[in-house]
Amino acid sequence: MGRRRRKVVRMPKKHLPKFFSCPRCGKETVRVKIFRDEGRAVVSCGSCDAREEFQVRLAQSEVDVYCMFTDKIYGNSKKVLTS
């Protein structure tokens, strides 16, 4: 007699998103382009035309640059609200 075969459970790999949500307009239209040879990254929103440029290191990815972008947007909005 044979025994039952075990079911193989495969876990799907998680991938980083290509588009992020915009802190200004709330739509998922923010795209991050990294130019590693120049050491800079450009973050731009397709709907509200928010655009920013950052200096990046080799170890930083798109998510890190997006976090820098949101920190800058929220940091500026807090200063405007308090004054």
PDB file of N, CA and C in Angstrom:
ATOM      1  N   MET A   1       0.836  -1.172   0.000  1.00  0.00           N
ATOM      2  CA  MET A   1       0.000   0.000   0.000  1.00  0.00           C
ATOM      3  C   MET A   1       0.889   1.247   0.000  1.00  0.00           C
ATOM      4  N   GLY A   2       0.425   2.218  -0.721  1.00  0.00           N
ATOM      5  CA  GLY A   2       1.167   3.476  -0.777  1.00  0.00           C
ATOM      6  C   GLY A   2       0.612   4.492   0.204  1.00  0.00           C
ATOM      7  N   ARG A   3       1.412   5.432   0.514  1.00  0.00           N
ATOM      8  CA  ARG A   3       0.911   6.457   1.412  1.00  0.00           C
ATOM      9  C   ARG A   3       0.507   7.686   0.603  1.00  0.00           C
ATOM     10  N   ARG A   4      -0.222   8.572   1.249  1.00  0.00           N
ATOM     11  CA  ARG A   4      -0.727   9.757   0.568  1.00  0.00           C
ATOM     12  C   ARG A   4       0.404  10.739   0.300  1.00  0.00           C
ATOM     13  N   ARG A   5       0.300  11.363  -0.808  1.00  0.00           N
ATOM     14  CA  ARG A   5       1.277  12.380  -1.169  1.00  0.00           C
ATOM     15  C   ARG A   5       0.986  13.684  -0.462  1.00  0.00           C
ATOM     16  N   ARG A   6       2.017  14.347   0.004  1.00  0.00           N
ATOM     17  CA  ARG A   6       1.822  15.636   0.659  1.00  0.00           C
ATOM     18  C   ARG A   6       1.583  16.729  -0.375  1.00  0.00           C
ATOM     19  N   LYS A   7       0.719  17.654  -0.025  1.00  0.00           N
ATOM     20  CA  LYS A   7       0.451  18.789  -0.905  1.00  0.00           C
ATOM     21  C   LYS A   7       1.575  19.816  -0.755  1.00  0.00           C
ATOM     22  N   VAL A   8       2.107  20.289  -1.868  1.00  0.00           N
ATOM     23  CA  VAL A   8       3.174  21.282  -1.850  1.00  0.00           C
ATOM     24  C   VAL A   8       2.529  22.659  -1.826  1.00  0.00           C
ATOM     25  N   VAL A   9       2.812  23.410  -0.779  1.00  0.00           N
ATOM     26  CA  VAL A   9       2.274  24.753  -0.649  1.00  0.00           C
ATOM     27  C   VAL A   9       3.343  25.734  -1.105  1.00  0.00           C
ATOM     28  N   ARG A  10       3.047  26.487  -2.150  1.00  0.00           N
ATOM     29  CA  ARG A  10       4.001  27.461  -2.667  1.00  0.00           C
ATOM     30  C   ARG A  10       3.560  28.850  -2.248  1.00  0.00           C
ATOM     31  N   MET A  11       4.488  29.576  -1.682  1.00  0.00           N
ATOM     32  CA  MET A  11       4.208  30.939  -1.248  1.00  0.00           C
ATOM     33  C   MET A  11       4.520  31.895  -2.399  1.00  0.00           C
ATOM     34  N   PRO A  12       3.589  32.784  -2.749  1.00  0.00           N
ATOM     35  CA  PRO A  12       3.880  33.745  -3.819  1.00  0.00           C
ATOM     36  C   PRO A  12       4.882  34.791  -3.351  1.00  0.00           C
ATOM     37  N   LYS A  13       5.772  35.188  -4.239  1.00  0.00           N
ATOM     38  CA  LYS A  13       6.758  36.203  -3.914  1.00  0.00           C
ATOM     39  C   LYS A  13       6.115  37.580  -3.965  1.00  0.00           C
ATOM     40  N   LYS A  14       6.448  38.418  -2.999  1.00  0.00           N
ATOM     41  CA  LYS A  14       5.916  39.768  -2.959  1.00  0.00           C
ATOM     42  C   LYS A  14       6.862  40.698  -3.698  1.00  0.00           C
ATOM     43  N   HIS A  15       6.288  41.575  -4.503  1.00  0.00           N
ATOM     44  CA  HIS A  15       7.072  42.514  -5.290  1.00  0.00           C
ATOM     45  C   HIS A  15       6.771  43.938  -4.831  1.00  0.00           C
ATOM     46  N   LEU A  16       7.735  44.819  -5.014  1.00  0.00           N
ATOM     47  CA  LEU A  16       7.530  46.222  -4.678  1.00  0.00           C
ATOM     48  C   LEU A  16       6.637  46.868  -5.732  1.00  0.00           C
ATOM     49  N   PRO A  17       5.811  47.834  -5.328  1.00  0.00           N
ATOM     50  CA  PRO A  17       4.918  48.472  -6.304  1.00  0.00           C
ATOM     51  C   PRO A  17       5.680  49.386  -7.254  1.00  0.00           C
ATOM     52  N   LYS A  18       5.114  49.600  -8.437  1.00  0.00           N
ATOM     53  CA  LYS A  18       5.703  50.519  -9.413  1.00  0.00           C
ATOM     54  C   LYS A  18       5.181  51.939  -9.200  1.00  0.00           C
ATOM     55  N   PHE A  19       3.934  52.067  -8.745  1.00  0.00           N
ATOM     56  CA  PHE A  19       3.324  53.365  -8.489  1.00  0.00           C
ATOM     57  C   PHE A  19       2.957  53.466  -7.016  1.00  0.00           C
ATOM     58  N   PHE A  20       3.112  54.655  -6.453  1.00  0.00           N
ATOM     59  CA  PHE A  20       2.820  54.911  -5.051  1.00  0.00           C
ATOM     60  C   PHE A  20       1.710  55.950  -4.951  1.00  0.00           C
ATOM     61  N   SER A  21       1.122  56.083  -3.756  1.00  0.00           N
ATOM     62  CA  SER A  21       0.064  57.078  -3.573  1.00  0.00           C
ATOM     63  C   SER A  21       0.677  58.445  -3.294  1.00  0.00           C
ATOM     64  N   CYS A  22       0.052  59.467  -3.841  1.00  0.00           N
ATOM     65  CA  CYS A  22       0.554  60.829  -3.720  1.00  0.00           C
ATOM     66  C   CYS A  22       0.087  61.437  -2.402  1.00  0.00           C
ATOM     67  N   PRO A  23       0.985  62.072  -1.644  1.00  0.00           N
ATOM     68  CA  PRO A  23       0.568  62.698  -0.390  1.00  0.00           C
ATOM     69  C   PRO A  23      -0.255  63.970  -0.602  1.00  0.00           C
ATOM     70  N   ARG A  24      -0.200  64.561  -1.783  1.00  0.00           N
ATOM     71  CA  ARG A  24      -0.978  65.776  -2.054  1.00  0.00           C
ATOM     72  C   ARG A  24      -2.384  65.456  -2.549  1.00  0.00           C
ATOM     73  N   CYS A  25      -2.486  64.675  -3.637  1.00  0.00           N
ATOM     74  CA  CYS A  25      -3.806  64.443  -4.249  1.00  0.00           C
ATOM     75  C   CYS A  25      -4.434  63.116  -3.841  1.00  0.00           C
ATOM     76  N   GLY A  26      -3.665  62.172  -3.296  1.00  0.00           N
ATOM     77  CA  GLY A  26      -4.214  60.907  -2.820  1.00  0.00           C
ATOM     78  C   GLY A  26      -4.355  59.828  -3.871  1.00  0.00           C
ATOM     79  N   LYS A  27      -4.001  60.099  -5.111  1.00  0.00           N
ATOM     80  CA  LYS A  27      -4.111  59.094  -6.177  1.00  0.00           C
ATOM     81  C   LYS A  27      -2.826  58.288  -6.264  1.00  0.00           C
ATOM     82  N   GLU A  28      -2.935  57.090  -6.801  1.00  0.00           N
ATOM     83  CA  GLU A  28      -1.755  56.214  -6.942  1.00  0.00           C
ATOM     84  C   GLU A  28      -1.052  56.482  -8.263  1.00  0.00           C
ATOM     85  N   THR A  29      -0.442  57.657  -8.388  1.00  0.00           N
ATOM     86  CA  THR A  29       0.199  58.050  -9.635  1.00  0.00           C
ATOM     87  C   THR A  29       1.629  58.542  -9.454  1.00  0.00           C
ATOM     88  N   VAL A  30       2.234  58.293  -8.314  1.00  0.00           N
ATOM     89  CA  VAL A  30       3.612  58.738  -8.065  1.00  0.00           C
ATOM     90  C   VAL A  30       4.574  57.684  -8.580  1.00  0.00           C
ATOM     91  N   ARG A  31       5.503  58.124  -9.407  1.00  0.00           N
ATOM     92  CA  ARG A  31       6.499  57.225  -9.975  1.00  0.00           C
ATOM     93  C   ARG A  31       7.891  57.706  -9.570  1.00  0.00           C
ATOM     94  N   VAL A  32       8.762  56.760  -9.256  1.00  0.00           N
ATOM     95  CA  VAL A  32      10.133  57.072  -8.825  1.00  0.00           C
ATOM     96  C   VAL A  32      11.091  56.541  -9.887  1.00  0.00           C
ATOM     97  N   LYS A  33      11.942  57.435 -10.390  1.00  0.00           N
ATOM     98  CA  LYS A  33      12.979  57.037 -11.354  1.00  0.00           C
ATOM     99  C   LYS A  33      14.333  57.305 -10.719  1.00  0.00           C
ATOM    100  N   ILE A  34      15.159  56.267 -10.669  1.00  0.00           N
ATOM    101  CA  ILE A  34      16.489  56.396 -10.069  1.00  0.00           C
ATOM    102  C   ILE A  34      17.539  56.314 -11.170  1.00  0.00           C
ATOM    103  N   PHE A  35      18.423  57.301 -11.189  1.00  0.00           N
ATOM    104  CA  PHE A  35      19.551  57.330 -12.112  1.00  0.00           C
ATOM    105  C   PHE A  35      20.801  57.062 -11.287  1.00  0.00           C
ATOM    106  N   ARG A  36      21.194  55.801 -11.211  1.00  0.00           N
ATOM    107  CA  ARG A  36      22.297  55.388 -10.332  1.00  0.00           C
ATOM    108  C   ARG A  36      23.641  55.957 -10.777  1.00  0.00           C
ATOM    109  N   ASP A  37      23.852  56.061 -12.084  1.00  0.00           N
ATOM    110  CA  ASP A  37      25.142  56.571 -12.552  1.00  0.00           C
ATOM    111  C   ASP A  37      25.328  58.053 -12.209  1.00  0.00           C
ATOM    112  N   GLU A  38      24.223  58.812 -12.098  1.00  0.00           N
ATOM    113  CA  GLU A  38      24.301  60.223 -11.733  1.00  0.00           C
ATOM    114  C   GLU A  38      24.116  60.445 -10.237  1.00  0.00           C
ATOM    115  N   GLY A  39      23.618  59.432  -9.531  1.00  0.00           N
ATOM    116  CA  GLY A  39      23.417  59.549  -8.089  1.00  0.00           C
ATOM    117  C   GLY A  39      22.222  60.395  -7.705  1.00  0.00           C
ATOM    118  N   ARG A  40      21.188  60.397  -8.538  1.00  0.00           N
ATOM    119  CA  ARG A  40      20.005  61.188  -8.231  1.00  0.00           C
ATOM    120  C   ARG A  40      18.749  60.391  -8.547  1.00  0.00           C
ATOM    121  N   ALA A  41      17.633  60.838  -7.978  1.00  0.00           N
ATOM    122  CA  ALA A  41      16.340  60.217  -8.211  1.00  0.00           C
ATOM    123  C   ALA A  41      15.300  61.303  -8.416  1.00  0.00           C
ATOM    124  N   VAL A  42      14.329  61.030  -9.298  1.00  0.00           N
ATOM    125  CA  VAL A  42      13.258  61.972  -9.580  1.00  0.00           C
ATOM    126  C   VAL A  42      11.942  61.323  -9.180  1.00  0.00           C
ATOM    127  N   VAL A  43      11.175  62.030  -8.345  1.00  0.00           N
ATOM    128  CA  VAL A  43       9.860  61.565  -7.912  1.00  0.00           C
ATOM    129  C   VAL A  43       8.841  62.512  -8.519  1.00  0.00           C
ATOM    130  N   SER A  44       7.855  61.961  -9.257  1.00  0.00           N
ATOM    131  CA  SER A  44       6.866  62.822  -9.885  1.00  0.00           C
ATOM    132  C   SER A  44       5.489  62.180  -9.839  1.00  0.00           C
ATOM    133  N   CYS A  45       4.480  63.039  -9.656  1.00  0.00           N
ATOM    134  CA  CYS A  45       3.086  62.598  -9.647  1.00  0.00           C
ATOM    135  C   CYS A  45       2.487  62.903 -11.016  1.00  0.00           C
ATOM    136  N   GLY A  46       1.760  61.956 -11.573  1.00  0.00           N
ATOM    137  CA  GLY A  46       1.173  62.131 -12.888  1.00  0.00           C
ATOM    138  C   GLY A  46      -0.078  62.978 -12.897  1.00  0.00           C
ATOM    139  N   SER A  47      -0.759  63.117 -11.763  1.00  0.00           N
ATOM    140  CA  SER A  47      -2.019  63.857 -11.778  1.00  0.00           C
ATOM    141  C   SER A  47      -1.874  65.297 -11.256  1.00  0.00           C
ATOM    142  N   CYS A  48      -1.146  65.513 -10.171  1.00  0.00           N
ATOM    143  CA  CYS A  48      -1.046  66.876  -9.613  1.00  0.00           C
ATOM    144  C   CYS A  48       0.283  67.555  -9.945  1.00  0.00           C
ATOM    145  N   ASP A  49       1.143  66.918 -10.706  1.00  0.00           N
ATOM    146  CA  ASP A  49       2.430  67.460 -11.159  1.00  0.00           C
ATOM    147  C   ASP A  49       3.373  67.841 -10.015  1.00  0.00           C
ATOM    148  N   ALA A  50       3.279  67.139  -8.895  1.00  0.00           N
ATOM    149  CA  ALA A  50       4.257  67.324  -7.822  1.00  0.00           C
ATOM    150  C   ALA A  50       5.545  66.641  -8.257  1.00  0.00           C
ATOM    151  N   ARG A  51       6.664  67.369  -8.192  1.00  0.00           N
ATOM    152  CA  ARG A  51       7.927  66.831  -8.687  1.00  0.00           C
ATOM    153  C   ARG A  51       9.038  67.236  -7.748  1.00  0.00           C
ATOM    154  N   GLU A  52       9.904  66.290  -7.452  1.00  0.00           N
ATOM    155  CA  GLU A  52      11.025  66.549  -6.546  1.00  0.00           C
ATOM    156  C   GLU A  52      12.223  65.713  -6.981  1.00  0.00           C
ATOM    157  N   GLU A  53      13.419  66.241  -6.711  1.00  0.00           N
ATOM    158  CA  GLU A  53      14.649  65.536  -7.071  1.00  0.00           C
ATOM    159  C   GLU A  53      15.490  65.359  -5.807  1.00  0.00           C
ATOM    160  N   PHE A  54      16.060  64.157  -5.637  1.00  0.00           N
ATOM    161  CA  PHE A  54      16.839  63.822  -4.454  1.00  0.00           C
ATOM    162  C   PHE A  54      18.173  63.223  -4.847  1.00  0.00           C
ATOM    163  N   GLN A  55      19.161  63.394  -3.966  1.00  0.00           N
ATOM    164  CA  GLN A  55      20.438  62.704  -4.112  1.00  0.00           C
ATOM    165  C   GLN A  55      20.300  61.339  -3.449  1.00  0.00           C
ATOM    166  N   VAL A  56      20.753  60.280  -4.113  1.00  0.00           N
ATOM    167  CA  VAL A  56      20.613  58.934  -3.564  1.00  0.00           C
ATOM    168  C   VAL A  56      21.963  58.236  -3.515  1.00  0.00           C
ATOM    169  N   ARG A  57      22.040  57.241  -2.615  1.00  0.00           N
ATOM    170  CA  ARG A  57      23.207  56.370  -2.535  1.00  0.00           C
ATOM    171  C   ARG A  57      22.897  55.076  -3.271  1.00  0.00           C
ATOM    172  N   LEU A  58      23.894  54.259  -3.438  1.00  0.00           N
ATOM    173  CA  LEU A  58      23.721  53.016  -4.198  1.00  0.00           C
ATOM    174  C   LEU A  58      22.782  52.035  -3.517  1.00  0.00           C
ATOM    175  N   ALA A  59      22.729  52.035  -2.199  1.00  0.00           N
ATOM    176  CA  ALA A  59      21.929  51.056  -1.466  1.00  0.00           C
ATOM    177  C   ALA A  59      20.456  51.429  -1.382  1.00  0.00           C
ATOM    178  N   GLN A  60      20.077  52.644  -1.750  1.00  0.00           N
ATOM    179  CA  GLN A  60      18.689  53.074  -1.634  1.00  0.00           C
ATOM    180  C   GLN A  60      17.854  52.580  -2.810  1.00  0.00           C
ATOM    181  N   SER A  61      16.596  52.230  -2.504  1.00  0.00           N
ATOM    182  CA  SER A  61      15.685  51.752  -3.544  1.00  0.00           C
ATOM    183  C   SER A  61      14.564  52.773  -3.746  1.00  0.00           C
ATOM    184  N   GLU A  62      13.585  52.406  -4.586  1.00  0.00           N
ATOM    185  CA  GLU A  62      12.471  53.305  -4.898  1.00  0.00           C
ATOM    186  C   GLU A  62      11.642  53.627  -3.655  1.00  0.00           C
ATOM    187  N   VAL A  63      11.467  52.639  -2.785  1.00  0.00           N
ATOM    188  CA  VAL A  63      10.667  52.844  -1.577  1.00  0.00           C
ATOM    189  C   VAL A  63      11.338  53.863  -0.662  1.00  0.00           C
ATOM    190  N   ASP A  64      12.656  53.799  -0.545  1.00  0.00           N
ATOM    191  CA  ASP A  64      13.385  54.748   0.297  1.00  0.00           C
ATOM    192  C   ASP A  64      13.238  56.179  -0.226  1.00  0.00           C
ATOM    193  N   VAL A  65      13.316  56.342  -1.541  1.00  0.00           N
ATOM    194  CA  VAL A  65      13.187  57.671  -2.138  1.00  0.00           C
ATOM    195  C   VAL A  65      11.761  58.180  -1.972  1.00  0.00           C
ATOM    196  N   TYR A  66      10.773  57.301  -2.109  1.00  0.00           N
ATOM    197  CA  TYR A  66       9.374  57.696  -1.904  1.00  0.00           C
ATOM    198  C   TYR A  66       9.152  58.152  -0.455  1.00  0.00           C
ATOM    199  N   CYS A  67       9.772  57.480   0.504  1.00  0.00           N
ATOM    200  CA  CYS A  67       9.655  57.882   1.912  1.00  0.00           C
ATOM    201  C   CYS A  67      10.281  59.249   2.142  1.00  0.00           C
ATOM    202  N   MET A  68      11.396  59.536   1.482  1.00  0.00           N
ATOM    203  CA  MET A  68      12.007  60.855   1.579  1.00  0.00           C
ATOM    204  C   MET A  68      11.070  61.922   1.005  1.00  0.00           C
ATOM    205  N   PHE A  69      10.377  61.588  -0.080  1.00  0.00           N
ATOM    206  CA  PHE A  69       9.431  62.499  -0.720  1.00  0.00           C
ATOM    207  C   PHE A  69       8.257  62.805   0.209  1.00  0.00           C
ATOM    208  N   THR A  70       7.681  61.773   0.815  1.00  0.00           N
ATOM    209  CA  THR A  70       6.544  62.000   1.709  1.00  0.00           C
ATOM    210  C   THR A  70       6.975  62.759   2.962  1.00  0.00           C
ATOM    211  N   ASP A  71       8.174  62.484   3.468  1.00  0.00           N
ATOM    212  CA  ASP A  71       8.678  63.223   4.622  1.00  0.00           C
ATOM    213  C   ASP A  71       8.819  64.706   4.303  1.00  0.00           C
ATOM    214  N   LYS A  72       9.291  65.008   3.107  1.00  0.00           N
ATOM    215  CA  LYS A  72       9.454  66.406   2.719  1.00  0.00           C
ATOM    216  C   LYS A  72       8.099  67.091   2.556  1.00  0.00           C
ATOM    217  N   ILE A  73       7.136  66.416   1.950  1.00  0.00           N
ATOM    218  CA  ILE A  73       5.798  66.998   1.752  1.00  0.00           C
ATOM    219  C   ILE A  73       5.126  67.227   3.099  1.00  0.00           C
ATOM    220  N   TYR A  74       5.113  66.214   3.969  1.00  0.00           N
ATOM    221  CA  TYR A  74       4.453  66.353   5.261  1.00  0.00           C
ATOM    222  C   TYR A  74       5.195  67.304   6.175  1.00  0.00           C
ATOM    223  N   GLY A  75       6.502  67.377   6.046  1.00  0.00           N
ATOM    224  CA  GLY A  75       7.281  68.310   6.853  1.00  0.00           C
ATOM    225  C   GLY A  75       6.966  69.752   6.489  1.00  0.00           C
ATOM    226  N   ASN A  76       6.803  70.038   5.186  1.00  0.00           N
ATOM    227  CA  ASN A  76       6.457  71.375   4.749  1.00  0.00           C
ATOM    228  C   ASN A  76       5.033  71.735   5.145  1.00  0.00           C
ATOM    229  N   SER A  77       4.106  70.795   5.075  1.00  0.00           N
ATOM    230  CA  SER A  77       2.714  71.100   5.401  1.00  0.00           C
ATOM    231  C   SER A  77       2.554  71.365   6.893  1.00  0.00           C
ATOM    232  N   LYS A  78       3.336  70.707   7.750  1.00  0.00           N
ATOM    233  CA  LYS A  78       3.256  70.954   9.187  1.00  0.00           C
ATOM    234  C   LYS A  78       3.770  72.346   9.530  1.00  0.00           C
ATOM    235  N   LYS A  79       4.819  72.797   8.863  1.00  0.00           N
ATOM    236  CA  LYS A  79       5.359  74.126   9.117  1.00  0.00           C
ATOM    237  C   LYS A  79       4.355  75.201   8.701  1.00  0.00           C
ATOM    238  N   VAL A  80       3.645  74.973   7.610  1.00  0.00           N
ATOM    239  CA  VAL A  80       2.664  75.950   7.144  1.00  0.00           C
ATOM    240  C   VAL A  80       1.485  76.010   8.101  1.00  0.00           C
ATOM    241  N   LEU A  81       1.057  74.866   8.652  1.00  0.00           N
ATOM    242  CA  LEU A  81      -0.090  74.835   9.541  1.00  0.00           C
ATOM    243  C   LEU A  81       0.192  75.488  10.889  1.00  0.00           C
ATOM    244  N   THR A  82       1.414  75.375  11.387  1.00  0.00           N
ATOM    245  CA  THR A  82       1.712  75.910  12.720  1.00  0.00           C
ATOM    246  C   THR A  82       1.960  77.418  12.702  1.00  0.00           C
ATOM    247  N   SER A  83       2.366  77.962  11.598  1.00  0.00           N
ATOM    248  CA  SER A  83       2.688  79.410  11.587  1.00  0.00           C
ATOM    249  C   SER A  83       1.509  80.267  11.234  1.00  0.00           C
TER     250      SER A  83
END
